[in-house]
Amino acid sequence: MKQMTDAEINLAIAKIEYPDDEFEIQAHCSDVFSEHWADTFNYCNDWADIGPIIEREKINVYRWRNHWTAVCPNENHHIFSDTPMKAAALCYLKMKGE
């Protein structure tokens, strides 16, 4: 998986979760704004956004040594990151083939 910024991760997940919506990245941060829903999403830094996906997709997230690991269910993929939310977000994208 190529190195992605938080904004790119947030945009990719928003497009998967809401395929019929249009999004733009906020200029001052990595949040993704949805014009249709008039809402923002930050899957890398907000449990309210990534938490339901973790539960729905049954992504296992745990701390291992000095980083966080997310395990994609039914696959042998372990995704490592500096935060649990970002690890889970990257795992979700891996599961969806992004």
Protein backbone atom coordinates (compact mmCIF):
# COMPACT_ATOMS: atom_id res chain seq x y z
CA MET A 1 0.00 0.00 0.00
CA LYS A 2 1.39 3.39 -0.96
CA GLN A 3 2.04 6.03 1.68
CA MET A 4 -1.09 8.16 2.06
CA THR A 5 -1.73 11.39 3.94
CA ASP A 6 -4.53 11.50 6.48
CA ALA A 7 -6.56 13.62 4.06
CA GLU A 8 -6.14 11.02 1.29
CA ILE A 9 -7.16 8.21 3.66
CA ASN A 10 -10.21 10.15 4.85
CA LEU A 11 -11.26 10.93 1.28
CA ALA A 12 -10.84 7.32 0.11
CA ILE A 13 -12.95 5.97 2.98
CA ALA A 14 -15.63 8.63 2.55
CA LYS A 15 -15.96 7.66 -1.13
CA ILE A 16 -16.40 3.99 -0.14
CA GLU A 17 -18.90 4.72 2.63
CA TYR A 18 -20.92 7.25 0.61
CA PRO A 19 -20.34 6.46 -3.08
CA ASP A 20 -23.07 8.80 -4.35
CA ASP A 21 -21.80 11.86 -2.49
CA GLU A 22 -19.20 14.44 -3.46
CA PHE A 23 -16.42 15.41 -1.08
CA GLU A 24 -13.71 17.98 -0.67
CA ILE A 25 -10.77 18.13 1.70
CA GLN A 26 -10.85 21.02 4.15
CA ALA A 27 -8.03 23.47 3.49
CA HIS A 28 -7.01 23.91 7.14
CA CYS A 29 -6.98 20.22 8.18
CA SER A 30 -7.33 16.65 6.94
CA ASP A 31 -11.11 16.52 7.43
CA VAL A 32 -13.25 15.62 4.44
CA PHE A 33 -16.38 17.70 3.92
CA SER A 34 -19.54 16.26 2.41
CA GLU A 35 -21.72 18.86 0.70
CA HIS A 36 -24.71 16.52 0.55
CA TRP A 37 -24.65 15.60 4.25
CA ALA A 38 -23.19 18.94 5.38
CA ASP A 39 -20.87 16.93 7.62
CA THR A 40 -17.16 16.31 8.02
CA PHE A 41 -15.34 13.01 8.35
CA ASN A 42 -11.94 12.27 9.83
CA TYR A 43 -11.49 8.51 9.94
CA CYS A 44 -7.83 8.82 10.96
CA ASN A 45 -8.45 10.90 14.07
CA ASP A 46 -12.07 10.60 15.19
CA TRP A 47 -13.44 7.49 16.92
CA ALA A 48 -16.99 8.60 16.09
CA ASP A 49 -16.16 8.17 12.38
CA ILE A 50 -13.92 5.07 12.35
CA GLY A 51 -15.42 3.26 15.36
CA PRO A 52 -18.59 2.03 13.60
CA ILE A 53 -16.47 0.74 10.71
CA ILE A 54 -14.15 -1.12 13.11
CA GLU A 55 -17.16 -2.81 14.72
CA ARG A 56 -19.01 -3.52 11.48
CA GLU A 57 -15.96 -4.94 9.69
CA LYS A 58 -14.66 -6.70 12.82
CA ILE A 59 -11.21 -5.13 12.54
CA ASN A 60 -8.97 -6.11 15.45
CA VAL A 61 -6.78 -3.25 16.69
CA TYR A 62 -4.08 -3.66 19.31
CA ARG A 63 -0.79 -2.17 20.46
CA TRP A 64 2.32 -4.14 19.61
CA ARG A 65 5.71 -2.87 20.72
CA ASN A 66 5.93 0.79 19.69
CA HIS A 67 3.10 0.93 17.13
CA TRP A 68 -0.54 0.05 16.59
CA THR A 69 -1.62 -2.94 14.52
CA ALA A 70 -4.92 -3.55 12.77
CA VAL A 71 -5.74 -7.03 11.54
CA CYS A 72 -8.06 -7.41 8.59
CA PRO A 73 -10.52 -10.23 9.30
CA ASN A 74 -10.43 -13.33 7.09
CA GLU A 75 -7.17 -12.08 5.57
CA ASN A 76 -3.57 -12.33 6.58
CA HIS A 77 -2.98 -8.57 6.52
CA HIS A 78 -1.49 -6.70 9.45
CA ILE A 79 -1.42 -2.94 9.06
CA PHE A 80 0.90 -0.90 11.29
CA SER A 81 0.57 2.78 12.16
CA ASP A 82 1.31 5.31 14.88
CA THR A 83 -2.34 5.55 16.04
CA PRO A 84 -5.07 2.92 16.41
CA MET A 85 -7.53 4.88 14.29
CA LYS A 86 -5.13 5.30 11.40
CA ALA A 87 -4.17 1.61 11.53
CA ALA A 88 -7.86 0.66 11.36
CA ALA A 89 -8.52 3.14 8.53
CA LEU A 90 -5.63 1.74 6.48
CA CYS A 91 -6.79 -1.81 7.20
CA TYR A 92 -10.27 -0.96 5.93
CA LEU A 93 -8.82 0.47 2.72
CA LYS A 94 -6.70 -2.69 2.27
CA MET A 95 -9.82 -4.82 2.73
CA LYS A 96 -11.62 -2.78 0.06
CA GLY A 97 -8.71 -3.04 -2.38
CA GLU A 98 -7.67 0.60 -2.22
